[in-house]
Amino acid sequence: MHPLQPLFRSLGHRTYERDGHLWINVGRFSLTTSPGGLPFVMDRGEIDDLLRESGALVATFATALPTGIESVAYTIRDPNYGPKSVKRQFRQHLMRGSEHSEVRELDSNELFKQGLSVNRDTARQRNEPNAPYTKSSNWAEFCDTVAQDPTLLAIGCFVKGKLASFVIGWINDERCDGLMMHHDVAFTDYRPTHKIIHGFGRIMISRPGISLVCIGRDSIPSLSSLAQFKRSAGFDLTPIRVAVLPHPGWGAILTNPWTRGTFRQLRQRMSGRIKGLENSEVLDVAAMTQI
């Protein structure tokens, strides 16, 4: 079993393992790999079998093959990463309320006791009030998984002793990948998202044996504000490629020019009015993926 399967199952994800790689569902119709910024090579037949088994329409993943589209993973390799590594405005946000803030590793008991309220506020921000991570039973299972696996850890930002944001990281050989970041908007004036993403990078890249820290890859479609945030935090833009493969029974329909053109017009006319419509952009990537 992939070491991250129990973690994502506790969050309500369907999980699948193929050739040592973990796939999780993203919504009803899509699969993606985790960690998302880790490229790999996988046989087309295995992905087709995965799509048949899961019933998903598309599978999205970072690939080491020359196909799909150009993208970036957000990484740190500099062991001296710190406040001087970030953009000037980002540094100003780091300083805001710093006398009342602390970023450090937290144990699973702290994560369990204080993390649930952060989760519930994150769910409200995402309009996902019934997300599994807002339920105490799921959260208890999640924290227990973190406690039992030495490759999993939590870095938290505390404001006046209260948890304001946290990142869950996974150590795999010489790299550490950030898997999720949640924050509570009640602490926005103290800039907990700036402090936690910087603190996670600073703490982990300075840990013995870690030579790379990654906080994911650019999304499809790209979220310009999030990309700018990570760049301002001093993360490097490491070139990767991202591929999308459609379900073998639906591929010809999903990737033909008429279907993609129709979705493109809908995105232009109905942007923001139909939830998830912007995700149809993956079909354009699927048309460019050859494996």
C-alpha atoms as a PDB file:
ATOM      1  CA  MET A   1       0.000   0.000   0.000  1.00  0.00           C
ATOM      2  CA  HIS A   2       1.225   3.492  -0.839  1.00  0.00           C
ATOM      3  CA  PRO A   3       2.126   5.296   2.418  1.00  0.00           C
ATOM      4  CA  LEU A   4      -0.248   8.187   1.680  1.00  0.00           C
ATOM      5  CA  GLN A   5      -3.329   6.061   1.025  1.00  0.00           C
ATOM      6  CA  PRO A   6      -4.553   6.003   4.665  1.00  0.00           C
ATOM      7  CA  LEU A   7      -4.086   9.763   4.911  1.00  0.00           C
ATOM      8  CA  PHE A   8      -6.208  10.594   1.865  1.00  0.00           C
ATOM      9  CA  ARG A   9      -8.806   7.975   2.676  1.00  0.00           C
ATOM     10  CA  SER A  10      -9.350   9.637   6.040  1.00  0.00           C
ATOM     11  CA  LEU A  11     -10.107  12.829   4.099  1.00  0.00           C
ATOM     12  CA  GLY A  12     -12.806  11.054   2.113  1.00  0.00           C
ATOM     13  CA  HIS A  13     -10.862  10.540  -1.116  1.00  0.00           C
ATOM     14  CA  ARG A  14     -11.078   7.428  -3.226  1.00  0.00           C
ATOM     15  CA  THR A  15      -7.511   6.215  -3.662  1.00  0.00           C
ATOM     16  CA  TYR A  16      -5.834   3.948  -6.205  1.00  0.00           C
ATOM     17  CA  GLU A  17      -2.272   2.706  -6.479  1.00  0.00           C
ATOM     18  CA  ARG A  18      -0.547   1.893  -9.750  1.00  0.00           C
ATOM     19  CA  ASP A  19       3.154   1.095 -10.174  1.00  0.00           C
ATOM     20  CA  GLY A  20       3.999   2.664  -6.801  1.00  0.00           C
ATOM     21  CA  HIS A  21       2.138   5.917  -7.551  1.00  0.00           C
ATOM     22  CA  LEU A  22      -0.902   7.197  -5.666  1.00  0.00           C
ATOM     23  CA  TRP A  23      -3.985   8.485  -7.462  1.00  0.00           C
ATOM     24  CA  ILE A  24      -6.852  10.275  -5.722  1.00  0.00           C
ATOM     25  CA  ASN A  25     -10.201  11.510  -6.950  1.00  0.00           C
ATOM     26  CA  VAL A  26     -10.731  15.227  -7.428  1.00  0.00           C
ATOM     27  CA  GLY A  27     -14.470  15.662  -7.620  1.00  0.00           C
ATOM     28  CA  ARG A  28     -16.630  13.080  -9.358  1.00  0.00           C
ATOM     29  CA  PHE A  29     -14.972  12.869 -12.753  1.00  0.00           C
ATOM     30  CA  SER A  30     -11.235  13.397 -12.335  1.00  0.00           C
ATOM     31  CA  LEU A  31      -8.172  11.654 -10.907  1.00  0.00           C
ATOM     32  CA  THR A  32      -4.801  13.156 -10.109  1.00  0.00           C
ATOM     33  CA  THR A  33      -1.560  11.975  -8.605  1.00  0.00           C
ATOM     34  CA  SER A  34      -0.236  12.930  -5.182  1.00  0.00           C
ATOM     35  CA  PRO A  35       2.186  14.547  -4.671  1.00  0.00           C
ATOM     36  CA  GLY A  36       1.169  16.583  -7.702  1.00  0.00           C
ATOM     37  CA  GLY A  37       4.580  18.059  -8.443  1.00  0.00           C
ATOM     38  CA  LEU A  38       6.387  14.733  -8.773  1.00  0.00           C
ATOM     39  CA  PRO A  39       6.839  13.694 -12.451  1.00  0.00           C
ATOM     40  CA  PHE A  40       6.865  10.024 -13.414  1.00  0.00           C
ATOM     41  CA  VAL A  41       6.518   7.670 -16.361  1.00  0.00           C
ATOM     42  CA  MET A  42       3.578   5.272 -16.496  1.00  0.00           C
ATOM     43  CA  ASP A  43       2.254   2.855 -19.068  1.00  0.00           C
ATOM     44  CA  ARG A  44      -0.817   4.042 -21.017  1.00  0.00           C
ATOM     45  CA  GLY A  45      -2.540   0.689 -20.515  1.00  0.00           C
ATOM     46  CA  GLU A  46      -2.265   0.973 -16.729  1.00  0.00           C
ATOM     47  CA  ILE A  47      -3.866   4.425 -16.750  1.00  0.00           C
ATOM     48  CA  ASP A  48      -6.637   3.192 -19.056  1.00  0.00           C
ATOM     49  CA  ASP A  49      -7.330   0.337 -16.608  1.00  0.00           C
ATOM     50  CA  LEU A  50      -7.326   2.828 -13.739  1.00  0.00           C
ATOM     51  CA  LEU A  51      -9.875   5.043 -15.482  1.00  0.00           C
ATOM     52  CA  ARG A  52     -12.104   2.053 -16.216  1.00  0.00           C
ATOM     53  CA  GLU A  53     -11.940   0.899 -12.594  1.00  0.00           C
ATOM     54  CA  SER A  54     -12.572   4.328 -11.086  1.00  0.00           C
ATOM     55  CA  GLY A  55     -15.147   5.545 -13.588  1.00  0.00           C
ATOM     56  CA  ALA A  56     -13.309   8.878 -13.841  1.00  0.00           C
ATOM     57  CA  LEU A  57     -13.326  10.685 -17.186  1.00  0.00           C
ATOM     58  CA  VAL A  58      -9.778  12.089 -17.032  1.00  0.00           C
ATOM     59  CA  ALA A  59      -6.478  11.485 -15.242  1.00  0.00           C
ATOM     60  CA  THR A  60      -4.087  14.398 -14.729  1.00  0.00           C
ATOM     61  CA  PHE A  61      -0.444  13.966 -13.749  1.00  0.00           C
ATOM     62  CA  ALA A  62       3.041  15.437 -13.992  1.00  0.00           C
ATOM     63  CA  THR A  63       5.031  13.428 -16.498  1.00  0.00           C
ATOM     64  CA  ALA A  64       8.665  12.868 -17.370  1.00  0.00           C
ATOM     65  CA  LEU A  65       7.639  12.255 -20.993  1.00  0.00           C
ATOM     66  CA  PRO A  66       7.762  14.977 -23.725  1.00  0.00           C
ATOM     67  CA  THR A  67       3.992  15.303 -24.029  1.00  0.00           C
ATOM     68  CA  GLY A  68       1.082  17.312 -22.618  1.00  0.00           C
ATOM     69  CA  ILE A  69       1.806  20.953 -21.759  1.00  0.00           C
ATOM     70  CA  GLU A  70       4.642  22.885 -20.165  1.00  0.00           C
ATOM     71  CA  SER A  71       4.069  23.666 -16.503  1.00  0.00           C
ATOM     72  CA  VAL A  72       6.032  24.345 -13.319  1.00  0.00           C
ATOM     73  CA  ALA A  73       6.513  22.818  -9.886  1.00  0.00           C
ATOM     74  CA  TYR A  74       7.138  25.221  -6.996  1.00  0.00           C
ATOM     75  CA  THR A  75      10.338  24.171  -5.255  1.00  0.00           C
ATOM     76  CA  ILE A  76      13.123  25.207  -2.905  1.00  0.00           C
ATOM     77  CA  ARG A  77      16.649  23.819  -3.136  1.00  0.00           C
ATOM     78  CA  ASP A  78      18.610  26.593  -1.419  1.00  0.00           C
ATOM     79  CA  PRO A  79      19.508  25.449   2.130  1.00  0.00           C
ATOM     80  CA  ASN A  80      19.838  29.127   3.113  1.00  0.00           C
ATOM     81  CA  TYR A  81      16.224  29.922   2.145  1.00  0.00           C
ATOM     82  CA  GLY A  82      14.830  32.520   4.526  1.00  0.00           C
ATOM     83  CA  PRO A  83      13.292  36.016   4.730  1.00  0.00           C
ATOM     84  CA  LYS A  84      15.866  37.378   2.267  1.00  0.00           C
ATOM     85  CA  SER A  85      14.652  34.849  -0.334  1.00  0.00           C
ATOM     86  CA  VAL A  86      11.161  36.363  -0.657  1.00  0.00           C
ATOM     87  CA  LYS A  87       9.901  39.427  -2.516  1.00  0.00           C
ATOM     88  CA  ARG A  88       9.913  42.754  -0.651  1.00  0.00           C
ATOM     89  CA  GLN A  89       6.125  42.995  -0.268  1.00  0.00           C
ATOM     90  CA  PHE A  90       5.932  39.377   0.880  1.00  0.00           C
ATOM     91  CA  ARG A  91       8.624  40.135   3.486  1.00  0.00           C
ATOM     92  CA  GLN A  92       6.503  42.987   4.790  1.00  0.00           C
ATOM     93  CA  HIS A  93       3.618  40.562   5.254  1.00  0.00           C
ATOM     94  CA  LEU A  94       5.937  38.204   7.150  1.00  0.00           C
ATOM     95  CA  MET A  95       6.831  40.999   9.557  1.00  0.00           C
ATOM     96  CA  ARG A  96       3.224  41.972  10.202  1.00  0.00           C
ATOM     97  CA  GLY A  97       2.278  40.813  13.681  1.00  0.00           C
ATOM     98  CA  SER A  98       5.442  38.735  13.944  1.00  0.00           C
ATOM     99  CA  GLU A  99       5.786  39.527  17.658  1.00  0.00           C
ATOM    100  CA  HIS A 100       2.555  37.584  18.232  1.00  0.00           C
ATOM    101  CA  SER A 101       3.274  34.739  15.796  1.00  0.00           C
ATOM    102  CA  GLU A 102       5.264  31.514  15.831  1.00  0.00           C
ATOM    103  CA  VAL A 103       5.815  28.920  13.095  1.00  0.00           C
ATOM    104  CA  ARG A 104       6.943  25.490  14.248  1.00  0.00           C
ATOM    105  CA  GLU A 105       6.339  21.785  13.944  1.00  0.00           C
ATOM    106  CA  LEU A 106       3.342  20.620  15.936  1.00  0.00           C
ATOM    107  CA  ASP A 107       2.563  17.185  17.301  1.00  0.00           C
ATOM    108  CA  SER A 108      -0.497  15.173  16.334  1.00  0.00           C
ATOM    109  CA  ASN A 109      -2.255  15.998  19.617  1.00  0.00           C
ATOM    110  CA  GLU A 110      -2.002  19.745  18.940  1.00  0.00           C
ATOM    111  CA  LEU A 111      -3.111  19.130  15.356  1.00  0.00           C
ATOM    112  CA  PHE A 112      -6.155  17.191  16.538  1.00  0.00           C
ATOM    113  CA  LYS A 113      -7.206  19.687  19.210  1.00  0.00           C
ATOM    114  CA  GLN A 114      -6.750  22.896  17.240  1.00  0.00           C
ATOM    115  CA  GLY A 115      -6.796  21.803  13.603  1.00  0.00           C
ATOM    116  CA  LEU A 116     -10.475  20.977  13.321  1.00  0.00           C
ATOM    117  CA  SER A 117     -11.611  24.594  13.722  1.00  0.00           C
ATOM    118  CA  VAL A 118      -9.081  25.645  11.051  1.00  0.00           C
ATOM    119  CA  ASN A 119     -10.454  22.925   8.767  1.00  0.00           C
ATOM    120  CA  ARG A 120     -14.026  24.081   9.243  1.00  0.00           C
ATOM    121  CA  ASP A 121     -13.145  27.654   8.397  1.00  0.00           C
ATOM    122  CA  THR A 122     -11.224  26.475   5.314  1.00  0.00           C
ATOM    123  CA  ALA A 123     -14.296  24.486   4.261  1.00  0.00           C
ATOM    124  CA  ARG A 124     -16.454  27.611   4.585  1.00  0.00           C
ATOM    125  CA  GLN A 125     -14.011  29.524   2.386  1.00  0.00           C
ATOM    126  CA  ARG A 126     -14.190  26.769  -0.252  1.00  0.00           C
ATOM    127  CA  ASN A 127     -17.957  26.431   0.030  1.00  0.00           C
ATOM    128  CA  GLU A 128     -17.520  22.807   1.152  1.00  0.00           C
ATOM    129  CA  PRO A 129     -19.277  22.832   4.553  1.00  0.00           C
ATOM    130  CA  ASN A 130     -19.726  19.054   4.575  1.00  0.00           C
ATOM    131  CA  ALA A 131     -16.172  18.132   3.557  1.00  0.00           C
ATOM    132  CA  PRO A 132     -14.942  15.004   5.388  1.00  0.00           C
ATOM    133  CA  TYR A 133     -12.079  16.925   7.004  1.00  0.00           C
ATOM    134  CA  THR A 134     -14.662  18.974   8.948  1.00  0.00           C
ATOM    135  CA  LYS A 135     -15.935  15.867  10.770  1.00  0.00           C
ATOM    136  CA  SER A 136     -14.328  14.982  14.075  1.00  0.00           C
ATOM    137  CA  SER A 137     -14.184  11.241  13.320  1.00  0.00           C
ATOM    138  CA  ASN A 138     -12.360  11.771  10.019  1.00  0.00           C
ATOM    139  CA  TRP A 139     -10.033  14.284  11.608  1.00  0.00           C
ATOM    140  CA  ALA A 140      -9.198  11.911  14.462  1.00  0.00           C
ATOM    141  CA  GLU A 141      -8.307   9.218  11.917  1.00  0.00           C
ATOM    142  CA  PHE A 142      -6.229  11.712   9.939  1.00  0.00           C
ATOM    143  CA  CYS A 143      -4.244  12.848  12.995  1.00  0.00           C
ATOM    144  CA  ASP A 144      -3.706   9.259  14.087  1.00  0.00           C
ATOM    145  CA  THR A 145      -2.264   8.499  10.645  1.00  0.00           C
ATOM    146  CA  VAL A 146       0.108  11.463  10.938  1.00  0.00           C
ATOM    147  CA  ALA A 147       1.151  10.316  14.424  1.00  0.00           C
ATOM    148  CA  GLN A 148       1.969   6.786  13.301  1.00  0.00           C
ATOM    149  CA  ASP A 149       3.906   7.630  10.137  1.00  0.00           C
ATOM    150  CA  PRO A 150       7.349   9.211  10.711  1.00  0.00           C
ATOM    151  CA  THR A 151       7.404  10.476   7.113  1.00  0.00           C
ATOM    152  CA  LEU A 152       4.378  12.711   7.760  1.00  0.00           C
ATOM    153  CA  LEU A 153       4.548  15.958   9.694  1.00  0.00           C
ATOM    154  CA  ALA A 154       2.607  19.111  10.415  1.00  0.00           C
ATOM    155  CA  ILE A 155       4.007  22.646  10.469  1.00  0.00           C
ATOM    156  CA  GLY A 156       1.740  25.213  12.077  1.00  0.00           C
ATOM    157  CA  CYS A 157       1.519  28.986  12.415  1.00  0.00           C
ATOM    158  CA  PHE A 158       0.330  30.051  15.868  1.00  0.00           C
ATOM    159  CA  VAL A 159      -1.022  33.508  16.606  1.00  0.00           C
ATOM    160  CA  LYS A 160      -1.161  34.366  20.298  1.00  0.00           C
ATOM    161  CA  GLY A 161      -1.012  30.652  21.051  1.00  0.00           C
ATOM    162  CA  LYS A 162      -3.845  29.646  18.716  1.00  0.00           C
ATOM    163  CA  LEU A 163      -3.375  27.662  15.504  1.00  0.00           C
ATOM    164  CA  ALA A 164      -4.051  29.949  12.541  1.00  0.00           C
ATOM    165  CA  SER A 165      -2.772  27.823   9.648  1.00  0.00           C
ATOM    166  CA  PHE A 166      -0.938  24.591   8.971  1.00  0.00           C
ATOM    167  CA  VAL A 167       0.729  22.548   6.245  1.00  0.00           C
ATOM    168  CA  ILE A 168       0.944  18.763   6.117  1.00  0.00           C
ATOM    169  CA  GLY A 169       4.216  17.548   4.613  1.00  0.00           C
ATOM    170  CA  TRP A 170       5.483  14.180   3.419  1.00  0.00           C
ATOM    171  CA  ILE A 171       9.162  13.232   3.438  1.00  0.00           C
ATOM    172  CA  ASN A 172      10.124  10.880   0.621  1.00  0.00           C
ATOM    173  CA  ASP A 173      13.868  10.204   0.446  1.00  0.00           C
ATOM    174  CA  GLU A 174      15.560  13.606   0.056  1.00  0.00           C
ATOM    175  CA  ARG A 175      12.453  15.614  -0.808  1.00  0.00           C
ATOM    176  CA  CYS A 176       9.536  16.958   1.202  1.00  0.00           C
ATOM    177  CA  ASP A 177       6.203  17.675  -0.471  1.00  0.00           C
ATOM    178  CA  GLY A 178       3.511  19.898   0.986  1.00  0.00           C
ATOM    179  CA  LEU A 179       0.237  18.001   0.646  1.00  0.00           C
ATOM    180  CA  MET A 180      -2.342  20.446   2.023  1.00  0.00           C
ATOM    181  CA  MET A 181      -2.551  23.914   3.547  1.00  0.00           C
ATOM    182  CA  HIS A 182      -5.500  25.171   5.599  1.00  0.00           C
ATOM    183  CA  HIS A 183      -5.984  28.504   7.347  1.00  0.00           C
ATOM    184  CA  ASP A 184      -8.504  30.406   9.455  1.00  0.00           C
ATOM    185  CA  VAL A 185      -9.560  33.817   8.077  1.00  0.00           C
ATOM    186  CA  ALA A 186     -10.085  35.099  11.627  1.00  0.00           C
ATOM    187  CA  PHE A 187      -6.304  35.582  11.767  1.00  0.00           C
ATOM    188  CA  THR A 188      -5.947  37.250   8.351  1.00  0.00           C
ATOM    189  CA  ASP A 189      -4.493  40.458   9.838  1.00  0.00           C
ATOM    190  CA  TYR A 190      -1.480  38.413  10.976  1.00  0.00           C
ATOM    191  CA  ARG A 191      -0.908  36.946   7.485  1.00  0.00           C
ATOM    192  CA  PRO A 192      -0.862  33.274   8.540  1.00  0.00           C
ATOM    193  CA  THR A 193      -0.760  32.000   4.945  1.00  0.00           C
ATOM    194  CA  HIS A 194       2.396  34.006   4.224  1.00  0.00           C
ATOM    195  CA  LYS A 195       3.992  32.872   7.453  1.00  0.00           C
ATOM    196  CA  ILE A 196       3.127  29.190   7.050  1.00  0.00           C
ATOM    197  CA  ILE A 197       4.250  28.740   3.448  1.00  0.00           C
ATOM    198  CA  HIS A 198       7.525  30.523   4.192  1.00  0.00           C
ATOM    199  CA  GLY A 199       7.960  28.704   7.493  1.00  0.00           C
ATOM    200  CA  PHE A 200       7.283  25.313   5.953  1.00  0.00           C
ATOM    201  CA  GLY A 201       9.907  25.915   3.282  1.00  0.00           C
ATOM    202  CA  ARG A 202      12.454  27.321   5.745  1.00  0.00           C
ATOM    203  CA  ILE A 203      12.045  24.565   8.325  1.00  0.00           C
ATOM    204  CA  MET A 204      12.064  21.669   5.897  1.00  0.00           C
ATOM    205  CA  ILE A 205      14.914  22.732   3.590  1.00  0.00           C
ATOM    206  CA  SER A 206      17.139  23.186   6.642  1.00  0.00           C
ATOM    207  CA  ARG A 207      16.362  19.691   7.922  1.00  0.00           C
ATOM    208  CA  PRO A 208      19.281  17.243   7.528  1.00  0.00           C
ATOM    209  CA  GLY A 209      18.801  14.934   4.557  1.00  0.00           C
ATOM    210  CA  ILE A 210      16.290  17.167   2.742  1.00  0.00           C
ATOM    211  CA  SER A 211      17.553  18.701  -0.501  1.00  0.00           C
ATOM    212  CA  LEU A 212      14.232  19.715  -2.106  1.00  0.00           C
ATOM    213  CA  VAL A 213      10.944  21.108  -0.820  1.00  0.00           C
ATOM    214  CA  CYS A 214       7.944  21.213  -3.162  1.00  0.00           C
ATOM    215  CA  ILE A 215       4.530  22.781  -2.678  1.00  0.00           C
ATOM    216  CA  GLY A 216       2.834  21.384  -5.744  1.00  0.00           C
ATOM    217  CA  ARG A 217       2.577  22.374  -9.378  1.00  0.00           C
ATOM    218  CA  ASP A 218       0.637  24.893 -11.393  1.00  0.00           C
ATOM    219  CA  SER A 219      -2.993  23.922 -11.854  1.00  0.00           C
ATOM    220  CA  ILE A 220      -5.184  23.506 -14.930  1.00  0.00           C
ATOM    221  CA  PRO A 221      -6.459  26.121 -15.443  1.00  0.00           C
ATOM    222  CA  SER A 222      -3.674  28.152 -13.912  1.00  0.00           C
ATOM    223  CA  LEU A 223      -4.683  30.217 -10.870  1.00  0.00           C
ATOM    224  CA  SER A 224      -2.640  33.371 -11.422  1.00  0.00           C
ATOM    225  CA  SER A 225      -3.095  34.733  -7.883  1.00  0.00           C
ATOM    226  CA  LEU A 226      -1.909  31.490  -6.281  1.00  0.00           C
ATOM    227  CA  ALA A 227       1.012  31.206  -8.684  1.00  0.00           C
ATOM    228  CA  GLN A 228       2.047  34.786  -7.902  1.00  0.00           C
ATOM    229  CA  PHE A 229       1.774  34.088  -4.174  1.00  0.00           C
ATOM    230  CA  LYS A 230       4.169  31.121  -4.404  1.00  0.00           C
ATOM    231  CA  ARG A 231       6.614  33.030  -6.589  1.00  0.00           C
ATOM    232  CA  SER A 232       6.605  35.932  -4.131  1.00  0.00           C
ATOM    233  CA  ALA A 233       7.353  33.452  -1.352  1.00  0.00           C
ATOM    234  CA  GLY A 234      10.665  32.720  -3.051  1.00  0.00           C
ATOM    235  CA  PHE A 235       9.849  29.307  -4.477  1.00  0.00           C
ATOM    236  CA  ASP A 236      11.628  28.427  -7.707  1.00  0.00           C
ATOM    237  CA  LEU A 237       9.674  27.615 -10.866  1.00  0.00           C
ATOM    238  CA  THR A 238      10.979  24.185 -11.829  1.00  0.00           C
ATOM    239  CA  PRO A 239       9.915  23.242 -15.384  1.00  0.00           C
ATOM    240  CA  ILE A 240       7.821  20.086 -15.666  1.00  0.00           C
ATOM    241  CA  ARG A 241       5.202  18.789 -18.091  1.00  0.00           C
ATOM    242  CA  VAL A 242       1.627  17.913 -17.220  1.00  0.00           C
ATOM    243  CA  ALA A 243      -0.379  15.330 -19.148  1.00  0.00           C
ATOM    244  CA  VAL A 244      -4.076  14.460 -19.198  1.00  0.00           C
ATOM    245  CA  LEU A 245      -5.446  11.144 -20.415  1.00  0.00           C
ATOM    246  CA  PRO A 246      -9.173  10.648 -21.047  1.00  0.00           C
ATOM    247  CA  HIS A 247     -11.217   7.542 -20.286  1.00  0.00           C
ATOM    248  CA  PRO A 248     -10.598   5.058 -23.140  1.00  0.00           C
ATOM    249  CA  GLY A 249     -14.317   4.722 -23.785  1.00  0.00           C
ATOM    250  CA  TRP A 250     -14.906   8.487 -23.962  1.00  0.00           C
ATOM    251  CA  GLY A 251     -11.608   9.826 -25.273  1.00  0.00           C
ATOM    252  CA  ALA A 252     -12.691  10.338 -28.879  1.00  0.00           C
ATOM    253  CA  ILE A 253     -15.718  12.371 -27.784  1.00  0.00           C
ATOM    254  CA  LEU A 254     -14.006  14.356 -25.016  1.00  0.00           C
ATOM    255  CA  THR A 255     -11.047  15.457 -27.126  1.00  0.00           C
ATOM    256  CA  ASN A 256     -12.626  16.127 -30.506  1.00  0.00           C
ATOM    257  CA  PRO A 257     -12.543  19.767 -31.671  1.00  0.00           C
ATOM    258  CA  TRP A 258     -16.325  20.248 -31.488  1.00  0.00           C
ATOM    259  CA  THR A 259     -16.537  19.180 -27.836  1.00  0.00           C
ATOM    260  CA  ARG A 260     -13.546  21.265 -26.795  1.00  0.00           C
ATOM    261  CA  GLY A 261     -14.828  24.263 -28.763  1.00  0.00           C
ATOM    262  CA  THR A 262     -18.224  24.014 -27.085  1.00  0.00           C
ATOM    263  CA  PHE A 263     -16.694  23.941 -23.620  1.00  0.00           C
ATOM    264  CA  ARG A 264     -14.419  26.843 -24.557  1.00  0.00           C
ATOM    265  CA  GLN A 265     -17.433  28.966 -25.522  1.00  0.00           C
ATOM    266  CA  LEU A 266     -19.231  27.978 -22.320  1.00  0.00           C
ATOM    267  CA  ARG A 267     -16.232  29.023 -20.249  1.00  0.00           C
ATOM    268  CA  GLN A 268     -16.198  32.406 -21.977  1.00  0.00           C
ATOM    269  CA  ARG A 269     -19.922  33.008 -21.538  1.00  0.00           C
ATOM    270  CA  MET A 270     -20.691  31.271 -18.224  1.00  0.00           C
ATOM    271  CA  SER A 271     -17.464  31.690 -16.259  1.00  0.00           C
ATOM    272  CA  GLY A 272     -18.201  31.658 -12.529  1.00  0.00           C
ATOM    273  CA  ARG A 273     -21.858  30.720 -13.030  1.00  0.00           C
ATOM    274  CA  ILE A 274     -21.443  26.963 -13.422  1.00  0.00           C
ATOM    275  CA  LYS A 275     -19.328  25.312 -10.743  1.00  0.00           C
ATOM    276  CA  GLY A 276     -16.400  23.355 -12.116  1.00  0.00           C
ATOM    277  CA  LEU A 277     -16.866  24.526 -15.709  1.00  0.00           C
ATOM    278  CA  GLU A 278     -13.358  25.999 -15.788  1.00  0.00           C
ATOM    279  CA  ASN A 279     -11.960  22.507 -15.191  1.00  0.00           C
ATOM    280  CA  SER A 280     -13.026  21.510 -18.714  1.00  0.00           C
ATOM    281  CA  GLU A 281      -9.781  23.123 -19.865  1.00  0.00           C
ATOM    282  CA  VAL A 282      -8.135  19.759 -19.133  1.00  0.00           C
ATOM    283  CA  LEU A 283      -9.742  18.462 -22.335  1.00  0.00           C
ATOM    284  CA  ASP A 284      -7.489  20.745 -24.375  1.00  0.00           C
ATOM    285  CA  VAL A 285      -4.485  19.235 -22.605  1.00  0.00           C
ATOM    286  CA  ALA A 286      -5.820  15.737 -23.197  1.00  0.00           C
ATOM    287  CA  ALA A 287      -5.917  16.477 -26.936  1.00  0.00           C
ATOM    288  CA  MET A 288      -2.193  17.306 -26.770  1.00  0.00           C
ATOM    289  CA  THR A 289      -1.178  14.272 -24.711  1.00  0.00           C
ATOM    290  CA  GLN A 290       0.275  11.348 -26.625  1.00  0.00           C
ATOM    291  CA  ILE A 291       1.394   8.289 -24.664  1.00  0.00           C
END
